[in-house]
Amino acid sequence: MTQPIELIIEEPALGSFVWRLLETDANGANPKVLRDAFDPADTYEAALAAGQRALHSEIRRRASGQPQAQSA
């Protein structure tokens, strides 16, 4: 069984955007942080692109059976 992963972009401070990957249970509930941005991005688009790269990396890691990565 797989757990859904959600990519979210937040703006904790004006003009500072961070991405976060959340993993939920099979029903989409009880989200927990799987990985998150180490440094904020200057634009929403840059944070989204970085988050998408992290999501694709996580998908490839899971497909290969490697152990879970620590938060960035």
N, C-alpha and C. Protein backbone atom coordinates (compact mmCIF):
# COMPACT_ATOMS: atom_id res chain seq x y z
N MET A 1 0.85 -1.18 0.00
CA MET A 1 0.00 0.00 0.00
C MET A 1 0.89 1.24 0.00
N THR A 2 0.45 2.26 -0.69
CA THR A 2 1.23 3.50 -0.76
C THR A 2 0.54 4.60 0.04
N GLN A 3 1.33 5.54 0.48
CA GLN A 3 0.80 6.70 1.17
C GLN A 3 0.89 7.90 0.22
N PRO A 4 -0.21 8.66 0.10
CA PRO A 4 -0.17 9.85 -0.76
C PRO A 4 0.85 10.87 -0.25
N ILE A 5 1.49 11.56 -1.18
CA ILE A 5 2.43 12.63 -0.85
C ILE A 5 1.88 13.92 -1.46
N GLU A 6 1.87 14.96 -0.66
CA GLU A 6 1.36 16.26 -1.10
C GLU A 6 2.50 17.27 -1.05
N LEU A 7 2.63 18.05 -2.11
CA LEU A 7 3.59 19.15 -2.17
C LEU A 7 2.83 20.43 -1.86
N ILE A 8 3.29 21.15 -0.84
CA ILE A 8 2.68 22.44 -0.52
C ILE A 8 3.76 23.52 -0.54
N ILE A 9 3.33 24.71 -0.88
CA ILE A 9 4.21 25.88 -0.86
C ILE A 9 3.62 26.86 0.14
N GLU A 10 4.44 27.35 1.05
CA GLU A 10 3.99 28.30 2.07
C GLU A 10 4.84 29.56 1.99
N GLU A 11 4.28 30.66 2.47
CA GLU A 11 4.99 31.94 2.53
C GLU A 11 5.03 32.37 4.00
N PRO A 12 6.00 31.83 4.77
CA PRO A 12 6.05 32.15 6.20
C PRO A 12 6.38 33.61 6.49
N ALA A 13 7.08 34.25 5.57
CA ALA A 13 7.39 35.68 5.68
C ALA A 13 7.19 36.28 4.28
N LEU A 14 6.80 37.51 4.23
CA LEU A 14 6.53 38.17 2.96
C LEU A 14 7.71 38.02 2.00
N GLY A 15 7.46 37.46 0.80
CA GLY A 15 8.50 37.29 -0.20
C GLY A 15 9.45 36.16 0.05
N SER A 16 9.12 35.26 0.95
CA SER A 16 9.97 34.11 1.30
C SER A 16 9.11 32.85 1.20
N PHE A 17 9.41 31.98 0.24
CA PHE A 17 8.57 30.82 -0.04
C PHE A 17 9.33 29.53 0.25
N VAL A 18 8.66 28.60 0.89
CA VAL A 18 9.26 27.29 1.19
C VAL A 18 8.33 26.18 0.73
N TRP A 19 8.92 25.08 0.30
CA TRP A 19 8.13 23.91 -0.07
C TRP A 19 8.19 22.89 1.06
N ARG A 20 7.21 22.03 1.07
CA ARG A 20 7.16 20.96 2.07
C ARG A 20 6.44 19.77 1.44
N LEU A 21 7.00 18.58 1.62
CA LEU A 21 6.34 17.35 1.20
C LEU A 21 5.68 16.75 2.43
N LEU A 22 4.38 16.51 2.33
CA LEU A 22 3.63 15.89 3.42
C LEU A 22 3.20 14.50 2.99
N GLU A 23 3.36 13.55 3.87
CA GLU A 23 2.90 12.18 3.62
C GLU A 23 1.69 11.92 4.50
N THR A 24 0.65 11.36 3.91
CA THR A 24 -0.56 11.07 4.67
C THR A 24 -0.79 9.56 4.72
N ASP A 25 -1.76 9.16 5.51
CA ASP A 25 -2.11 7.74 5.51
C ASP A 25 -2.90 7.45 4.22
N ALA A 26 -3.31 6.22 4.04
CA ALA A 26 -3.99 5.81 2.81
C ALA A 26 -5.30 6.57 2.58
N ASN A 27 -5.88 7.13 3.63
CA ASN A 27 -7.13 7.88 3.51
C ASN A 27 -6.89 9.38 3.31
N GLY A 28 -5.64 9.79 3.23
CA GLY A 28 -5.31 11.21 3.05
C GLY A 28 -5.38 12.02 4.33
N ALA A 29 -5.35 11.35 5.47
CA ALA A 29 -5.43 12.04 6.76
C ALA A 29 -4.10 11.91 7.51
N ASN A 30 -4.00 12.61 8.63
CA ASN A 30 -2.83 12.57 9.51
C ASN A 30 -1.52 12.90 8.78
N PRO A 31 -1.44 14.09 8.16
CA PRO A 31 -0.21 14.42 7.42
C PRO A 31 0.99 14.58 8.35
N LYS A 32 2.15 14.13 7.85
CA LYS A 32 3.41 14.34 8.56
C LYS A 32 4.42 14.86 7.54
N VAL A 33 5.36 15.66 8.01
CA VAL A 33 6.37 16.23 7.12
C VAL A 33 7.34 15.13 6.71
N LEU A 34 7.45 14.94 5.41
CA LEU A 34 8.37 13.95 4.86
C LEU A 34 9.71 14.61 4.54
N ARG A 35 9.68 15.75 3.87
CA ARG A 35 10.86 16.54 3.54
C ARG A 35 10.42 17.99 3.46
N ASP A 36 11.37 18.91 3.68
CA ASP A 36 11.05 20.32 3.51
C ASP A 36 12.27 21.10 3.05
N ALA A 37 12.02 22.32 2.61
CA ALA A 37 13.08 23.17 2.07
C ALA A 37 14.09 23.52 3.16
N PHE A 38 15.36 23.49 2.78
CA PHE A 38 16.42 23.90 3.70
C PHE A 38 16.49 25.42 3.78
N ASP A 39 16.37 26.06 2.62
CA ASP A 39 16.41 27.53 2.53
C ASP A 39 15.17 28.02 1.79
N PRO A 40 14.66 29.20 2.12
CA PRO A 40 13.51 29.74 1.39
C PRO A 40 13.90 30.22 0.00
N ALA A 41 12.91 30.24 -0.89
CA ALA A 41 13.10 30.77 -2.25
C ALA A 41 12.52 32.18 -2.30
N ASP A 42 12.99 32.97 -3.27
CA ASP A 42 12.52 34.35 -3.41
C ASP A 42 11.17 34.45 -4.09
N THR A 43 10.79 33.40 -4.86
CA THR A 43 9.51 33.44 -5.57
C THR A 43 8.75 32.13 -5.35
N TYR A 44 7.45 32.21 -5.54
CA TYR A 44 6.60 31.03 -5.45
C TYR A 44 7.04 30.00 -6.49
N GLU A 45 7.31 30.48 -7.71
CA GLU A 45 7.69 29.60 -8.81
C GLU A 45 8.97 28.84 -8.51
N ALA A 46 9.96 29.51 -7.92
CA ALA A 46 11.22 28.85 -7.58
C ALA A 46 11.01 27.79 -6.50
N ALA A 47 10.17 28.11 -5.52
CA ALA A 47 9.87 27.13 -4.47
C ALA A 47 9.12 25.94 -5.05
N LEU A 48 8.19 26.20 -5.96
CA LEU A 48 7.43 25.13 -6.60
C LEU A 48 8.36 24.22 -7.40
N ALA A 49 9.27 24.81 -8.17
CA ALA A 49 10.21 24.01 -8.97
C ALA A 49 11.09 23.15 -8.07
N ALA A 50 11.59 23.72 -6.98
CA ALA A 50 12.44 22.95 -6.06
C ALA A 50 11.63 21.84 -5.39
N GLY A 51 10.39 22.14 -5.02
CA GLY A 51 9.54 21.13 -4.41
C GLY A 51 9.21 20.00 -5.37
N GLN A 52 9.00 20.34 -6.64
CA GLN A 52 8.74 19.30 -7.63
C GLN A 52 9.96 18.40 -7.83
N ARG A 53 11.15 18.99 -7.81
CA ARG A 53 12.37 18.17 -7.91
C ARG A 53 12.47 17.23 -6.72
N ALA A 54 12.16 17.73 -5.53
CA ALA A 54 12.21 16.88 -4.33
C ALA A 54 11.16 15.77 -4.41
N LEU A 55 9.98 16.09 -4.91
CA LEU A 55 8.93 15.09 -5.06
C LEU A 55 9.35 14.01 -6.04
N HIS A 56 9.88 14.40 -7.19
CA HIS A 56 10.34 13.42 -8.17
C HIS A 56 11.47 12.57 -7.60
N SER A 57 12.36 13.18 -6.84
CA SER A 57 13.44 12.44 -6.19
C SER A 57 12.88 11.41 -5.22
N GLU A 58 11.88 11.80 -4.46
CA GLU A 58 11.25 10.88 -3.50
C GLU A 58 10.57 9.73 -4.22
N ILE A 59 9.91 10.01 -5.33
CA ILE A 59 9.25 8.96 -6.11
C ILE A 59 10.29 7.98 -6.64
N ARG A 60 11.40 8.50 -7.19
CA ARG A 60 12.46 7.61 -7.70
C ARG A 60 13.07 6.79 -6.57
N ARG A 61 13.28 7.42 -5.41
CA ARG A 61 13.85 6.70 -4.27
C ARG A 61 12.95 5.55 -3.85
N ARG A 62 11.66 5.80 -3.78
CA ARG A 62 10.72 4.76 -3.37
C ARG A 62 10.65 3.64 -4.40
N ALA A 63 10.72 4.00 -5.68
CA ALA A 63 10.66 2.99 -6.74
C ALA A 63 11.88 2.08 -6.70
N SER A 64 13.02 2.61 -6.25
CA SER A 64 14.25 1.81 -6.20
C SER A 64 14.40 1.06 -4.89
N GLY A 65 13.54 1.36 -3.90
CA GLY A 65 13.59 0.66 -2.62
C GLY A 65 14.64 1.18 -1.66
N GLN A 66 15.18 2.38 -1.90
CA GLN A 66 16.18 2.95 -0.99
C GLN A 66 15.51 3.39 0.31
N PRO A 67 16.28 3.47 1.41
CA PRO A 67 15.71 3.93 2.69
C PRO A 67 15.26 5.38 2.61
N GLN A 68 14.36 5.76 3.51
CA GLN A 68 13.82 7.12 3.54
C GLN A 68 14.89 8.16 3.82
N ALA A 69 14.84 9.26 3.06
CA ALA A 69 15.78 10.37 3.24
C ALA A 69 15.35 11.21 4.43
N GLN A 70 16.30 11.91 5.04
CA GLN A 70 16.00 12.85 6.12
C GLN A 70 15.55 14.16 5.52
N SER A 71 14.86 14.99 6.30
CA SER A 71 14.42 16.31 5.82
C SER A 71 15.62 17.13 5.40
N ALA A 72 15.41 17.89 4.31
CA ALA A 72 16.50 18.73 3.80
C ALA A 72 16.70 19.94 4.66
